[in-house]
Every structure is written in structure tokens, then in C-alpha cells.
Amino acid sequence: RSRPLSHTHPRLNREGPLMTQLRTTDVDLGRWMLRTHQVGDPADPTILWLHGSGPGVSALSNWEGVLGRLPGFHHVAPDLLGFGESSHPDLPLGVAHSAEERANALLQLLDVLGVERAHLVGNSMGGMISLLLLIAQPYRFDRAILMGSGGAPMTPTPDLFAMVKYYDDPSPEAMLSLIRAFMVDTSRYSDAIEQIAADRARYAARADIRRSHERTFSPQGPPLVFTPEQLAGIDHQVLLLHGREDRIIPVAASHHLAQHLPNAQLHVLPNTGHWVQIEQADRFVALAELFLGEATSAARAEQDPAA
């Protein structure tokens, strides 16, 4: 079922490029529905964009500023299960179990869309879910870009803990504090940042969004940490991007992943927090085009060795 693009939820990327080809569809998976945004020709290589967690987050709040800037790809950016305008079922308790449920929904999404193989771009929790997908069905995926990804053994930072516990005392002020913790410099949004925080706090106050957040981060369920053996079994080409000043997931987490993923390269970006795709949009696009373009060139060479 196709519906017009919803602008009901506030996004930081309001100055991002206009995606005139954006198609928004509610994809019926049977038990669930995923609000899904697509850009580009489905005949081109597919990139599956997986956003991070947080109260009021959605696919476009993470990706709007960069989604339309990588030509030659079919972009698929869903609101993950339990986020945004997708279904909000009674998720299994805890990060690990809810992430598995979200990964299963994404595999179903690819089936319904007829996507046989895709690249992955995952931010924060989306990075962890990307790793789950690479382990569960490695043949379905080509390259992966993980940005500020979780999944490494680490003690939660104070700002991550504040994000998890947002609903203990939700308010526009608490949302503003969270947004500032995710970025090094919010000055590009000038006075609008307070209005964005107020709008996003109202959106996050929806009962279904709150319930999904609290079930995801319930202490009754286990965290999601990948063992060195699990990481060593992922032989995909992986690009790790991490902001040096990340206050949510410390850069040491990506160093750990780079140490154990056999085909990973790590780029640490200075003067950058948790939202690489927002604070370093131009550099992110350049690195993604180079990294994913290598796969496209290799595939063409396989098809036509004389080219």
C-alpha cells in the first residue's frame, strides 16, 4: 500500500537535498507493517539503510540528508519495527531479542520487495542489526557500512544511559540535551534546535513509541554483544565509520570491531559525534561512494572481463 510521505515527525536534516523521487510505502509483512522509503531504480544495486535507536527516531530523521546523494543505487530505508510509522508490536524484551525480531522483519521486507542481495548501511543500533543479518543470511548481503555501531563489549556511557532512560522524565529540555549529546556542534541549526527538540519530544510522547522504546531497553532482556568468534566468521567487506568525539558509543567500540572483523577498514572522523551522516555528510557520501562503488566495479568486471 502506497501513501504520501509523512512529515508529521521532526527531523534534523531539514536542509538536506530534496528527494523528488522518494516513494513512501507501507509494506505489509503479514504480522507487521514497515513504513519504507525508496529512492532510485530497483534494477540498480540495493542499499538497505538501517537507522539507530532513540526516542522519536525514524528512517528519515537519520538518512534524509544523504539518501538522495548516492546515484546509481536503489535505496531502501525502512522505519525499523517498533520505530516511527512502522508496526509497534509487543517486542521481545531487551536489546538482543528485539534486535533479532527487527532483523527477521527486514529479511521479510527484502523478500516482499524482491531484493535478492543488498548492501547494508547501519547507524548505531542499525549497525548491530546489520551484523545480525550478515551472520544469519550472509549470502543476502554484499558490503556493509557500520557507523558508530554497537555490539562491542563496553560500559554504557552516561549519554547512552540518558538516552535509554529518557522516559523517566521526558521533556523538550531532556530531548534538547540528547540532541546536543549526539553531535559536536549544533550551531548549524541556530535557534531552530530548541523547536526541533520540542517537536521531537511531542512525537516521542506517542504511547506506541514509548512502549517500543521501553521494551527494547528493558533490563529484563540481555544486551547484544558479538563474540570474537562471531565477528571472525563475517567475511564481508566492512567500512567502519566513527566520530572521534562520539559520546553515545565510544570510538573504542569500532576499534574492537575492526580488530575482529577480518575484512574491515576503520575511518575515525575528527570533530564528529554519533551522527556522522549529519555532521560529516559530504565526507560520508564520498567514502560510501568509493567503498560501494568498488563492489559495483568488481561485479561489472566479473560480467565482462574484457571491459
C-alpha atoms as a PDB file:
ATOM      1  CA  ARG A   1       0.000   0.000   0.000  1.00  0.00           C
ATOM      2  CA  SER A   2       1.442   3.372  -1.007  1.00  0.00           C
ATOM      3  CA  ARG A   3       0.833   6.529   0.987  1.00  0.00           C
ATOM      4  CA  PRO A   4       2.157  10.086   0.626  1.00  0.00           C
ATOM      5  CA  LEU A   5       5.314  10.921   2.540  1.00  0.00           C
ATOM      6  CA  SER A   6       4.527  11.821   6.138  1.00  0.00           C
ATOM      7  CA  HIS A   7       6.131  14.946   7.573  1.00  0.00           C
ATOM      8  CA  THR A   8       4.493  14.544  10.978  1.00  0.00           C
ATOM      9  CA  HIS A   9       7.745  13.718  12.760  1.00  0.00           C
ATOM     10  CA  PRO A  10      10.523  16.300  13.178  1.00  0.00           C
ATOM     11  CA  ARG A  11      13.862  15.745  11.503  1.00  0.00           C
ATOM     12  CA  LEU A  12      17.219  17.391  11.987  1.00  0.00           C
ATOM     13  CA  ASN A  13      18.055  17.156   8.265  1.00  0.00           C
ATOM     14  CA  ARG A  14      15.599  19.763   7.072  1.00  0.00           C
ATOM     15  CA  GLU A  15      18.217  21.359   4.850  1.00  0.00           C
ATOM     16  CA  GLY A  16      19.058  18.062   3.136  1.00  0.00           C
ATOM     17  CA  PRO A  17      18.651  17.634  -0.631  1.00  0.00           C
ATOM     18  CA  LEU A  18      15.139  17.390  -1.984  1.00  0.00           C
ATOM     19  CA  MET A  19      14.463  13.765  -2.888  1.00  0.00           C
ATOM     20  CA  THR A  20      11.907  14.263  -5.629  1.00  0.00           C
ATOM     21  CA  GLN A  21      11.912  10.548  -6.440  1.00  0.00           C
ATOM     22  CA  LEU A  22      11.157   9.481  -2.874  1.00  0.00           C
ATOM     23  CA  ARG A  23       8.472   6.795  -2.742  1.00  0.00           C
ATOM     24  CA  THR A  24       6.905   6.004   0.622  1.00  0.00           C
ATOM     25  CA  THR A  25       5.076   2.713   1.054  1.00  0.00           C
ATOM     26  CA  ASP A  26       3.609   0.783   3.949  1.00  0.00           C
ATOM     27  CA  VAL A  27       4.882  -2.721   3.203  1.00  0.00           C
ATOM     28  CA  ASP A  28       2.616  -5.474   4.528  1.00  0.00           C
ATOM     29  CA  LEU A  29       4.635  -8.350   6.014  1.00  0.00           C
ATOM     30  CA  GLY A  30       1.641 -10.251   7.361  1.00  0.00           C
ATOM     31  CA  ARG A  31       2.068  -9.852  11.116  1.00  0.00           C
ATOM     32  CA  TRP A  32       3.741  -6.464  10.711  1.00  0.00           C
ATOM     33  CA  MET A  33       3.909  -3.401   8.521  1.00  0.00           C
ATOM     34  CA  LEU A  34       7.087  -1.442   7.800  1.00  0.00           C
ATOM     35  CA  ARG A  35       6.916   2.173   6.628  1.00  0.00           C
ATOM     36  CA  THR A  36       9.516   2.120   3.841  1.00  0.00           C
ATOM     37  CA  HIS A  37      11.091   4.921   1.823  1.00  0.00           C
ATOM     38  CA  GLN A  38      12.659   4.134  -1.553  1.00  0.00           C
ATOM     39  CA  VAL A  39      14.725   6.200  -3.956  1.00  0.00           C
ATOM     40  CA  GLY A  40      16.177   5.096  -7.290  1.00  0.00           C
ATOM     41  CA  ASP A  41      15.728   2.305  -9.798  1.00  0.00           C
ATOM     42  CA  PRO A  42      15.023  -1.148  -8.275  1.00  0.00           C
ATOM     43  CA  ALA A  43      17.122  -2.613 -11.097  1.00  0.00           C
ATOM     44  CA  ASP A  44      20.220  -0.959  -9.608  1.00  0.00           C
ATOM     45  CA  PRO A  45      22.174  -2.441  -6.668  1.00  0.00           C
ATOM     46  CA  THR A  46      20.169  -2.055  -3.460  1.00  0.00           C
ATOM     47  CA  ILE A  47      21.331  -0.345  -0.266  1.00  0.00           C
ATOM     48  CA  LEU A  48      19.331  -1.162   2.874  1.00  0.00           C
ATOM     49  CA  TRP A  49      19.611   1.783   5.295  1.00  0.00           C
ATOM     50  CA  LEU A  50      19.125   0.921   8.992  1.00  0.00           C
ATOM     51  CA  HIS A  51      18.703   3.794  11.425  1.00  0.00           C
ATOM     52  CA  GLY A  52      19.699   3.905  15.077  1.00  0.00           C
ATOM     53  CA  SER A  53      17.616   3.974  18.238  1.00  0.00           C
ATOM     54  CA  GLY A  54      16.351   6.773  20.429  1.00  0.00           C
ATOM     55  CA  PRO A  55      13.023   8.335  21.385  1.00  0.00           C
ATOM     56  CA  GLY A  56      11.249   9.581  18.272  1.00  0.00           C
ATOM     57  CA  VAL A  57      13.810   8.373  15.726  1.00  0.00           C
ATOM     58  CA  SER A  58      12.825   7.242  12.225  1.00  0.00           C
ATOM     59  CA  ALA A  59      14.446   6.399   8.902  1.00  0.00           C
ATOM     60  CA  LEU A  60      14.208   9.918   7.512  1.00  0.00           C
ATOM     61  CA  SER A  61      15.416  11.538  10.730  1.00  0.00           C
ATOM     62  CA  ASN A  62      18.652   9.590  10.219  1.00  0.00           C
ATOM     63  CA  TRP A  63      19.016   9.486   6.453  1.00  0.00           C
ATOM     64  CA  GLU A  64      17.162  12.309   4.698  1.00  0.00           C
ATOM     65  CA  GLY A  65      20.280  14.416   4.258  1.00  0.00           C
ATOM     66  CA  VAL A  66      22.237  11.702   2.413  1.00  0.00           C
ATOM     67  CA  LEU A  67      19.697   9.274   0.953  1.00  0.00           C
ATOM     68  CA  GLY A  68      19.347  11.050  -2.368  1.00  0.00           C
ATOM     69  CA  ARG A  69      23.046  11.781  -2.797  1.00  0.00           C
ATOM     70  CA  LEU A  70      24.305   8.359  -3.928  1.00  0.00           C
ATOM     71  CA  PRO A  71      23.194   7.895  -7.558  1.00  0.00           C
ATOM     72  CA  GLY A  72      23.213   4.535  -9.270  1.00  0.00           C
ATOM     73  CA  PHE A  73      21.697   2.665  -6.328  1.00  0.00           C
ATOM     74  CA  HIS A  74      18.251   1.555  -5.246  1.00  0.00           C
ATOM     75  CA  HIS A  75      17.840   2.932  -1.719  1.00  0.00           C
ATOM     76  CA  VAL A  76      15.518   1.214   0.776  1.00  0.00           C
ATOM     77  CA  ALA A  77      15.158   2.969   4.145  1.00  0.00           C
ATOM     78  CA  PRO A  78      12.521   1.479   6.466  1.00  0.00           C
ATOM     79  CA  ASP A  79      11.380   2.640   9.850  1.00  0.00           C
ATOM     80  CA  LEU A  80      12.571  -0.364  11.835  1.00  0.00           C
ATOM     81  CA  LEU A  81       9.979  -2.484  13.623  1.00  0.00           C
ATOM     82  CA  GLY A  82       8.897  -0.582  16.723  1.00  0.00           C
ATOM     83  CA  PHE A  83      10.008   2.803  15.375  1.00  0.00           C
ATOM     84  CA  GLY A  84       8.344   5.679  13.555  1.00  0.00           C
ATOM     85  CA  GLU A  85       5.312   4.779  11.464  1.00  0.00           C
ATOM     86  CA  SER A  86       6.035   1.028  11.303  1.00  0.00           C
ATOM     87  CA  SER A  87       4.178  -1.501  13.451  1.00  0.00           C
ATOM     88  CA  HIS A  88       4.721  -1.360  17.196  1.00  0.00           C
ATOM     89  CA  PRO A  89       4.105  -4.932  18.389  1.00  0.00           C
ATOM     90  CA  ASP A  90       4.902  -6.273  21.848  1.00  0.00           C
ATOM     91  CA  LEU A  91       8.598  -6.644  21.128  1.00  0.00           C
ATOM     92  CA  PRO A  92      10.675  -9.238  22.977  1.00  0.00           C
ATOM     93  CA  LEU A  93      12.295  -7.634  26.000  1.00  0.00           C
ATOM     94  CA  GLY A  94      15.850  -6.352  25.755  1.00  0.00           C
ATOM     95  CA  VAL A  95      18.173  -5.126  23.040  1.00  0.00           C
ATOM     96  CA  ALA A  96      19.332  -8.578  21.872  1.00  0.00           C
ATOM     97  CA  HIS A  97      15.898 -10.190  21.494  1.00  0.00           C
ATOM     98  CA  SER A  98      14.219  -7.105  19.992  1.00  0.00           C
ATOM     99  CA  ALA A  99      17.090  -6.727  17.505  1.00  0.00           C
ATOM    100  CA  GLU A 100      16.577 -10.317  16.364  1.00  0.00           C
ATOM    101  CA  GLU A 101      12.879  -9.602  15.794  1.00  0.00           C
ATOM    102  CA  ARG A 102      13.774  -6.488  13.808  1.00  0.00           C
ATOM    103  CA  ALA A 103      16.299  -8.426  11.718  1.00  0.00           C
ATOM    104  CA  ASN A 104      13.645 -11.037  10.895  1.00  0.00           C
ATOM    105  CA  ALA A 105      11.267  -8.287   9.770  1.00  0.00           C
ATOM    106  CA  LEU A 106      13.954  -6.853   7.489  1.00  0.00           C
ATOM    107  CA  LEU A 107      14.570 -10.206   5.833  1.00  0.00           C
ATOM    108  CA  GLN A 108      10.837 -10.429   5.168  1.00  0.00           C
ATOM    109  CA  LEU A 109      10.902  -6.891   3.763  1.00  0.00           C
ATOM    110  CA  LEU A 110      13.603  -7.841   1.255  1.00  0.00           C
ATOM    111  CA  ASP A 111      11.560 -10.889   0.239  1.00  0.00           C
ATOM    112  CA  VAL A 112       8.410  -8.820  -0.340  1.00  0.00           C
ATOM    113  CA  LEU A 113      10.357  -6.198  -2.321  1.00  0.00           C
ATOM    114  CA  GLY A 114      12.032  -8.903  -4.405  1.00  0.00           C
ATOM    115  CA  VAL A 115      15.545  -7.860  -3.373  1.00  0.00           C
ATOM    116  CA  GLU A 116      17.853 -10.862  -3.633  1.00  0.00           C
ATOM    117  CA  ARG A 117      21.053  -9.154  -2.453  1.00  0.00           C
ATOM    118  CA  ALA A 118      21.809  -5.791  -0.843  1.00  0.00           C
ATOM    119  CA  HIS A 119      24.474  -3.613   0.685  1.00  0.00           C
ATOM    120  CA  LEU A 120      23.906  -2.532   4.298  1.00  0.00           C
ATOM    121  CA  VAL A 121      24.342   0.856   5.942  1.00  0.00           C
ATOM    122  CA  GLY A 122      23.692   0.747   9.683  1.00  0.00           C
ATOM    123  CA  ASN A 123      23.918   3.540  12.253  1.00  0.00           C
ATOM    124  CA  SER A 124      24.323   2.637  15.962  1.00  0.00           C
ATOM    125  CA  MET A 125      21.604   0.028  16.674  1.00  0.00           C
ATOM    126  CA  GLY A 126      21.247  -0.297  12.906  1.00  0.00           C
ATOM    127  CA  GLY A 127      24.894  -1.389  12.874  1.00  0.00           C
ATOM    128  CA  MET A 128      24.182  -4.157  15.359  1.00  0.00           C
ATOM    129  CA  ILE A 129      21.209  -5.325  13.311  1.00  0.00           C
ATOM    130  CA  SER A 130      23.431  -5.252  10.204  1.00  0.00           C
ATOM    131  CA  LEU A 131      25.856  -7.626  11.921  1.00  0.00           C
ATOM    132  CA  LEU A 132      22.965  -9.932  12.849  1.00  0.00           C
ATOM    133  CA  LEU A 133      21.882 -10.001   9.194  1.00  0.00           C
ATOM    134  CA  LEU A 134      25.410 -10.744   7.971  1.00  0.00           C
ATOM    135  CA  ILE A 135      25.575 -13.688  10.372  1.00  0.00           C
ATOM    136  CA  ALA A 136      22.052 -15.000   9.732  1.00  0.00           C
ATOM    137  CA  GLN A 137      21.988 -14.865   5.905  1.00  0.00           C
ATOM    138  CA  PRO A 138      25.444 -13.884   4.626  1.00  0.00           C
ATOM    139  CA  TYR A 139      24.559 -14.711   1.008  1.00  0.00           C
ATOM    140  CA  ARG A 140      21.846 -11.998   1.014  1.00  0.00           C
ATOM    141  CA  PHE A 141      24.319  -9.165   1.549  1.00  0.00           C
ATOM    142  CA  ASP A 142      27.378  -7.710  -0.143  1.00  0.00           C
ATOM    143  CA  ARG A 143      29.205  -4.843   1.582  1.00  0.00           C
ATOM    144  CA  ALA A 144      28.348  -3.150   4.883  1.00  0.00           C
ATOM    145  CA  ILE A 145      28.956   0.323   6.287  1.00  0.00           C
ATOM    146  CA  LEU A 146      28.676   0.499  10.087  1.00  0.00           C
ATOM    147  CA  MET A 147      28.557   3.954  11.676  1.00  0.00           C
ATOM    148  CA  GLY A 148      29.043   4.322  15.419  1.00  0.00           C
ATOM    149  CA  SER A 149      27.886   0.727  15.717  1.00  0.00           C
ATOM    150  CA  GLY A 150      27.104  -1.037  18.952  1.00  0.00           C
ATOM    151  CA  GLY A 151      27.728  -4.717  19.522  1.00  0.00           C
ATOM    152  CA  ALA A 152      31.176  -4.483  21.140  1.00  0.00           C
ATOM    153  CA  PRO A 153      31.761  -5.144  24.842  1.00  0.00           C
ATOM    154  CA  MET A 154      31.576  -1.759  26.528  1.00  0.00           C
ATOM    155  CA  THR A 155      30.299   0.018  29.602  1.00  0.00           C
ATOM    156  CA  PRO A 156      27.364   2.292  28.691  1.00  0.00           C
ATOM    157  CA  THR A 157      28.392   5.938  28.556  1.00  0.00           C
ATOM    158  CA  PRO A 158      26.460   8.485  30.656  1.00  0.00           C
ATOM    159  CA  ASP A 159      24.881   9.918  27.495  1.00  0.00           C
ATOM    160  CA  LEU A 160      23.817   6.493  26.227  1.00  0.00           C
ATOM    161  CA  PHE A 161      22.304   5.811  29.636  1.00  0.00           C
ATOM    162  CA  ALA A 162      20.459   9.152  29.445  1.00  0.00           C
ATOM    163  CA  MET A 163      19.034   8.170  26.053  1.00  0.00           C
ATOM    164  CA  VAL A 164      17.888   4.788  27.367  1.00  0.00           C
ATOM    165  CA  LYS A 165      16.276   6.402  30.429  1.00  0.00           C
ATOM    166  CA  TYR A 166      14.710   9.322  28.559  1.00  0.00           C
ATOM    167  CA  TYR A 167      11.180   8.344  29.554  1.00  0.00           C
ATOM    168  CA  ASP A 168      11.978   8.569  33.253  1.00  0.00           C
ATOM    169  CA  ASP A 169      11.487  12.323  32.864  1.00  0.00           C
ATOM    170  CA  PRO A 170      10.565  13.142  29.248  1.00  0.00           C
ATOM    171  CA  SER A 171      10.520  16.798  28.244  1.00  0.00           C
ATOM    172  CA  PRO A 172      11.647  19.156  25.483  1.00  0.00           C
ATOM    173  CA  GLU A 173      14.615  20.056  27.682  1.00  0.00           C
ATOM    174  CA  ALA A 174      15.647  16.408  28.008  1.00  0.00           C
ATOM    175  CA  MET A 175      15.267  15.940  24.241  1.00  0.00           C
ATOM    176  CA  LEU A 176      17.400  19.020  23.585  1.00  0.00           C
ATOM    177  CA  SER A 177      20.088  17.629  25.876  1.00  0.00           C
ATOM    178  CA  LEU A 178      20.009  14.327  23.962  1.00  0.00           C
ATOM    179  CA  ILE A 179      20.310  16.001  20.564  1.00  0.00           C
ATOM    180  CA  ARG A 180      23.287  18.006  21.795  1.00  0.00           C
ATOM    181  CA  ALA A 181      24.923  14.831  23.113  1.00  0.00           C
ATOM    182  CA  PHE A 182      24.634  13.197  19.677  1.00  0.00           C
ATOM    183  CA  MET A 183      26.538  15.992  17.933  1.00  0.00           C
ATOM    184  CA  VAL A 184      29.684  18.013  18.496  1.00  0.00           C
ATOM    185  CA  ASP A 185      28.307  21.234  17.013  1.00  0.00           C
ATOM    186  CA  THR A 186      24.595  22.084  16.815  1.00  0.00           C
ATOM    187  CA  SER A 187      25.219  25.683  15.733  1.00  0.00           C
ATOM    188  CA  ARG A 188      24.202  24.938  12.122  1.00  0.00           C
ATOM    189  CA  TYR A 189      20.618  24.715  13.393  1.00  0.00           C
ATOM    190  CA  SER A 190      20.902  28.046  15.307  1.00  0.00           C
ATOM    191  CA  ASP A 191      17.708  28.923  17.169  1.00  0.00           C
ATOM    192  CA  ALA A 192      15.728  26.163  15.422  1.00  0.00           C
ATOM    193  CA  ILE A 193      17.320  23.456  17.578  1.00  0.00           C
ATOM    194  CA  GLU A 194      15.002  24.193  20.511  1.00  0.00           C
ATOM    195  CA  GLN A 195      11.922  23.986  18.298  1.00  0.00           C
ATOM    196  CA  ILE A 196      13.183  20.753  16.759  1.00  0.00           C
ATOM    197  CA  ALA A 197      13.668  19.309  20.259  1.00  0.00           C
ATOM    198  CA  ALA A 198      10.172  20.396  21.323  1.00  0.00           C
ATOM    199  CA  ASP A 199       8.590  18.918  18.184  1.00  0.00           C
ATOM    200  CA  ARG A 200      10.506  15.679  18.572  1.00  0.00           C
ATOM    201  CA  ALA A 201       9.573  15.425  22.254  1.00  0.00           C
ATOM    202  CA  ARG A 202       5.881  15.653  21.299  1.00  0.00           C
ATOM    203  CA  TYR A 203       6.349  12.954  18.678  1.00  0.00           C
ATOM    204  CA  ALA A 204       8.232  10.724  21.141  1.00  0.00           C
ATOM    205  CA  ALA A 205       5.341  11.094  23.605  1.00  0.00           C
ATOM    206  CA  ARG A 206       3.168   8.786  21.495  1.00  0.00           C
ATOM    207  CA  ALA A 207       2.211   5.785  23.609  1.00  0.00           C
ATOM    208  CA  ASP A 208       3.267   3.221  20.995  1.00  0.00           C
ATOM    209  CA  ILE A 209       6.694   4.825  20.515  1.00  0.00           C
ATOM    210  CA  ARG A 210       7.268   4.956  24.260  1.00  0.00           C
ATOM    211  CA  ARG A 211       6.220   1.315  24.729  1.00  0.00           C
ATOM    212  CA  SER A 212       8.554   0.089  21.992  1.00  0.00           C
ATOM    213  CA  HIS A 213      11.483   2.061  23.454  1.00  0.00           C
ATOM    214  CA  GLU A 214      10.894   0.726  26.948  1.00  0.00           C
ATOM    215  CA  ARG A 215      10.568  -2.868  25.758  1.00  0.00           C
ATOM    216  CA  THR A 216      13.718  -2.548  23.638  1.00  0.00           C
ATOM    217  CA  PHE A 217      15.801  -1.322  26.557  1.00  0.00           C
ATOM    218  CA  SER A 218      14.149  -3.419  29.258  1.00  0.00           C
ATOM    219  CA  PRO A 219      16.714  -4.690  31.801  1.00  0.00           C
ATOM    220  CA  GLN A 220      14.790  -7.982  31.780  1.00  0.00           C
ATOM    221  CA  GLY A 221      16.436  -8.860  28.462  1.00  0.00           C
ATOM    222  CA  PRO A 222      20.114  -9.288  27.574  1.00  0.00           C
ATOM    223  CA  PRO A 223      22.318  -6.771  25.756  1.00  0.00           C
ATOM    224  CA  LEU A 224      23.655  -7.592  22.306  1.00  0.00           C
ATOM    225  CA  VAL A 225      27.397  -8.249  22.261  1.00  0.00           C
ATOM    226  CA  PHE A 226      29.095 -10.173  19.456  1.00  0.00           C
ATOM    227  CA  THR A 227      31.833 -12.623  20.355  1.00  0.00           C
ATOM    228  CA  PRO A 228      35.221 -12.505  18.608  1.00  0.00           C
ATOM    229  CA  GLU A 229      34.315 -15.840  17.011  1.00  0.00           C
ATOM    230  CA  GLN A 230      31.064 -14.439  15.575  1.00  0.00           C
ATOM    231  CA  LEU A 231      32.854 -11.415  14.162  1.00  0.00           C
ATOM    232  CA  ALA A 232      35.649 -13.533  12.711  1.00  0.00           C
ATOM    233  CA  GLY A 233      33.053 -15.511  10.770  1.00  0.00           C
ATOM    234  CA  ILE A 234      31.861 -12.408   8.886  1.00  0.00           C
ATOM    235  CA  ASP A 235      33.993 -12.261   5.753  1.00  0.00           C
ATOM    236  CA  HIS A 236      32.158  -9.375   4.054  1.00  0.00           C
ATOM    237  CA  GLN A 237      33.956  -6.145   3.227  1.00  0.00           C
ATOM    238  CA  VAL A 238      33.033  -3.737   6.033  1.00  0.00           C
ATOM    239  CA  LEU A 239      33.623   0.012   6.300  1.00  0.00           C
ATOM    240  CA  LEU A 240      33.557   1.253   9.904  1.00  0.00           C
ATOM    241  CA  LEU A 241      32.966   4.979  10.424  1.00  0.00           C
ATOM    242  CA  HIS A 242      33.127   6.565  13.857  1.00  0.00           C
ATOM    243  CA  GLY A 243      33.158  10.099  15.203  1.00  0.00           C
ATOM    244  CA  ARG A 244      36.169  10.702  17.400  1.00  0.00           C
ATOM    245  CA  GLU A 245      34.088  12.702  19.881  1.00  0.00           C
ATOM    246  CA  ASP A 246      31.171  10.231  19.979  1.00  0.00           C
ATOM    247  CA  ARG A 247      29.586  10.480  23.445  1.00  0.00           C
ATOM    248  CA  ILE A 248      26.995   7.738  22.846  1.00  0.00           C
ATOM    249  CA  ILE A 249      29.141   4.835  21.574  1.00  0.00           C
ATOM    250  CA  PRO A 250      32.865   5.412  22.236  1.00  0.00           C
ATOM    251  CA  VAL A 251      35.241   5.087  19.312  1.00  0.00           C
ATOM    252  CA  ALA A 252      36.856   2.133  21.103  1.00  0.00           C
ATOM    253  CA  ALA A 253      33.814   0.080  20.060  1.00  0.00           C
ATOM    254  CA  SER A 254      34.709   0.400  16.374  1.00  0.00           C
ATOM    255  CA  HIS A 255      38.360  -0.317  17.131  1.00  0.00           C
ATOM    256  CA  HIS A 256      37.178  -3.580  18.701  1.00  0.00           C
ATOM    257  CA  LEU A 257      35.056  -4.446  15.658  1.00  0.00           C
ATOM    258  CA  ALA A 258      37.929  -3.585  13.309  1.00  0.00           C
ATOM    259  CA  GLN A 259      40.225  -5.873  15.272  1.00  0.00           C
ATOM    260  CA  HIS A 260      37.940  -8.885  14.887  1.00  0.00           C
ATOM    261  CA  LEU A 261      36.174  -8.407  11.525  1.00  0.00           C
ATOM    262  CA  PRO A 262      38.628  -9.948   9.032  1.00  0.00           C
ATOM    263  CA  ASN A 263      37.872  -7.558   6.140  1.00  0.00           C
ATOM    264  CA  ALA A 264      37.119  -4.302   7.942  1.00  0.00           C
ATOM    265  CA  GLN A 265      38.611  -0.857   7.483  1.00  0.00           C
ATOM    266  CA  LEU A 266      38.106   1.890  10.065  1.00  0.00           C
ATOM    267  CA  HIS A 267      37.847   5.639   9.461  1.00  0.00           C
ATOM    268  CA  VAL A 268      37.780   7.875  12.551  1.00  0.00           C
ATOM    269  CA  LEU A 269      36.391  11.322  11.791  1.00  0.00           C
ATOM    270  CA  PRO A 270      37.573  14.252  13.911  1.00  0.00           C
ATOM    271  CA  ASN A 271      35.249  16.875  15.389  1.00  0.00           C
ATOM    272  CA  THR A 272      32.349  14.471  14.946  1.00  0.00           C
ATOM    273  CA  GLY A 273      29.904  12.871  17.359  1.00  0.00           C
ATOM    274  CA  HIS A 274      27.469   9.993  16.949  1.00  0.00           C
ATOM    275  CA  TRP A 275      25.737  11.266  13.800  1.00  0.00           C
ATOM    276  CA  VAL A 276      28.446  11.000  11.137  1.00  0.00           C
ATOM    277  CA  GLN A 277      25.836  11.192   8.368  1.00  0.00           C
ATOM    278  CA  ILE A 278      24.614  14.567   9.654  1.00  0.00           C
ATOM    279  CA  GLU A 279      27.786  16.260  10.892  1.00  0.00           C
ATOM    280  CA  GLN A 280      30.032  14.895   8.127  1.00  0.00           C
ATOM    281  CA  ALA A 281      27.502  14.380   5.345  1.00  0.00           C
ATOM    282  CA  ASP A 282      29.838  15.286   2.466  1.00  0.00           C
ATOM    283  CA  ARG A 283      32.633  13.056   3.743  1.00  0.00           C
ATOM    284  CA  PHE A 284      30.212  10.229   4.436  1.00  0.00           C
ATOM    285  CA  VAL A 285      28.854  10.404   0.880  1.00  0.00           C
ATOM    286  CA  ALA A 286      32.377  10.436  -0.605  1.00  0.00           C
ATOM    287  CA  LEU A 287      33.509   7.434   1.454  1.00  0.00           C
ATOM    288  CA  ALA A 288      30.302   5.499   0.761  1.00  0.00           C
ATOM    289  CA  GLU A 289      30.507   6.134  -2.993  1.00  0.00           C
ATOM    290  CA  LEU A 290      34.112   4.932  -3.086  1.00  0.00           C
ATOM    291  CA  PHE A 291      33.501   1.855  -0.918  1.00  0.00           C
ATOM    292  CA  LEU A 292      30.258   0.706  -2.531  1.00  0.00           C
ATOM    293  CA  GLY A 293      31.448   1.729  -5.991  1.00  0.00           C
ATOM    294  CA  GLU A 294      34.293  -0.786  -5.697  1.00  0.00           C
ATOM    295  CA  ALA A 295      31.709  -3.557  -5.408  1.00  0.00           C
ATOM    296  CA  THR A 296      29.840  -2.285  -8.471  1.00  0.00           C
ATOM    297  CA  SER A 297      33.060  -2.140 -10.496  1.00  0.00           C
ATOM    298  CA  ALA A 298      34.024  -5.654  -9.413  1.00  0.00           C
ATOM    299  CA  ALA A 299      30.605  -7.008 -10.399  1.00  0.00           C
ATOM    300  CA  ARG A 300      30.845  -5.415 -13.842  1.00  0.00           C
ATOM    301  CA  ALA A 301      34.326  -6.831 -14.328  1.00  0.00           C
ATOM    302  CA  GLU A 302      33.003 -10.319 -13.489  1.00  0.00           C
ATOM    303  CA  GLN A 303      30.238  -9.972 -16.054  1.00  0.00           C
ATOM    304  CA  ASP A 304      32.542  -8.623 -18.754  1.00  0.00           C
ATOM    305  CA  PRO A 305      36.226  -9.461 -18.102  1.00  0.00           C
ATOM    306  CA  ALA A 306      37.237  -7.673 -21.303  1.00  0.00           C
ATOM    307  CA  ALA A 307      35.785  -4.344 -20.157  1.00  0.00           C
END
